[in-house]
C-alpha atoms as a PDB file:
ATOM      1  CA  MET A   1     -56.987  66.726  53.201  1.00  0.00           C
ATOM      2  CA  LYS A   2     -60.480  65.326  52.802  1.00  0.00           C
ATOM      3  CA  THR A   3     -61.331  62.738  50.162  1.00  0.00           C
ATOM      4  CA  VAL A   4     -62.176  64.224  46.775  1.00  0.00           C
ATOM      5  CA  ARG A   5     -63.580  62.491  43.726  1.00  0.00           C
ATOM      6  CA  LEU A   6     -65.045  63.223  40.319  1.00  0.00           C
ATOM      7  CA  HIS A   7     -67.285  66.334  40.465  1.00  0.00           C
ATOM      8  CA  SER A   8     -65.995  67.396  43.909  1.00  0.00           C
ATOM      9  CA  LYS A   9     -65.466  71.137  44.238  1.00  0.00           C
ATOM     10  CA  GLY A  10     -63.545  73.318  46.639  1.00  0.00           C
ATOM     11  CA  PRO A  11     -60.158  74.394  47.952  1.00  0.00           C
ATOM     12  CA  GLU A  12     -58.991  70.795  48.435  1.00  0.00           C
ATOM     13  CA  VAL A  13     -59.417  70.190  44.700  1.00  0.00           C
ATOM     14  CA  THR A  14     -57.544  73.408  43.906  1.00  0.00           C
ATOM     15  CA  THR A  15     -54.643  72.268  46.099  1.00  0.00           C
ATOM     16  CA  LEU A  16     -54.599  68.853  44.423  1.00  0.00           C
ATOM     17  CA  CYS A  17     -54.623  70.480  40.967  1.00  0.00           C
ATOM     18  CA  GLU A  18     -51.778  72.825  41.911  1.00  0.00           C
ATOM     19  CA  ILE A  19     -49.652  69.887  43.070  1.00  0.00           C
ATOM     20  CA  LEU A  20     -50.421  67.838  39.954  1.00  0.00           C
ATOM     21  CA  ALA A  21     -49.653  70.862  37.754  1.00  0.00           C
ATOM     22  CA  ARG A  22     -46.285  71.457  39.455  1.00  0.00           C
ATOM     23  CA  MET A  23     -45.431  67.813  38.848  1.00  0.00           C
ATOM     24  CA  GLY A  24     -46.378  68.056  35.166  1.00  0.00           C
ATOM     25  CA  TYR A  25     -49.521  65.921  35.303  1.00  0.00           C
ATOM     26  CA  LEU A  26     -52.062  68.682  34.758  1.00  0.00           C
ATOM     27  CA  VAL A  27     -52.163  71.840  32.675  1.00  0.00           C
ATOM     28  CA  MET A  28     -55.159  73.753  34.067  1.00  0.00           C
ATOM     29  CA  VAL A  29     -55.747  74.388  37.780  1.00  0.00           C
ATOM     30  CA  SER A  30     -59.385  74.471  38.853  1.00  0.00           C
ATOM     31  CA  ASP A  31     -61.536  74.034  41.944  1.00  0.00           C
ATOM     32  CA  VAL A  32     -63.592  71.308  40.206  1.00  0.00           C
ATOM     33  CA  PHE A  33     -62.485  67.662  40.041  1.00  0.00           C
ATOM     34  CA  THR A  34     -62.953  67.039  36.320  1.00  0.00           C
ATOM     35  CA  THR A  35     -62.204  63.988  34.193  1.00  0.00           C
ATOM     36  CA  ALA A  36     -58.863  65.639  33.341  1.00  0.00           C
ATOM     37  CA  VAL A  37     -57.994  65.755  37.044  1.00  0.00           C
ATOM     38  CA  ASP A  38     -59.112  62.141  37.426  1.00  0.00           C
ATOM     39  CA  GLU A  39     -56.843  61.080  34.554  1.00  0.00           C
ATOM     40  CA  ALA A  40     -53.933  63.059  36.041  1.00  0.00           C
ATOM     41  CA  VAL A  41     -54.407  61.347  39.414  1.00  0.00           C
ATOM     42  CA  LYS A  42     -54.504  57.931  37.742  1.00  0.00           C
ATOM     43  CA  SER A  43     -51.326  58.724  35.783  1.00  0.00           C
ATOM     44  CA  PHE A  44     -49.580  59.802  38.983  1.00  0.00           C
ATOM     45  CA  GLN A  45     -50.715  56.634  40.765  1.00  0.00           C
ATOM     46  CA  SER A  46     -49.517  54.472  37.877  1.00  0.00           C
ATOM     47  CA  ASP A  47     -46.134  56.210  37.641  1.00  0.00           C
ATOM     48  CA  TYR A  48     -45.515  55.678  41.357  1.00  0.00           C
ATOM     49  CA  ASN A  49     -46.954  52.136  41.434  1.00  0.00           C
ATOM     50  CA  LEU A  50     -49.694  53.140  43.865  1.00  0.00           C
ATOM     51  CA  VAL A  51     -52.505  50.620  44.147  1.00  0.00           C
ATOM     52  CA  VAL A  52     -55.905  52.094  44.921  1.00  0.00           C
END
């Protein structure tokens, strides 16, 4: 998977959103990396003690 960040768009973002949604971190799946996706990623990282 390539690196995605805020405002990225494409199938990689959709895949990330689908995974986050299945894990309960995100409600809406999209192909755009929004602030909601960014917050979901940060919550996931915090919950799993991942340092970025």
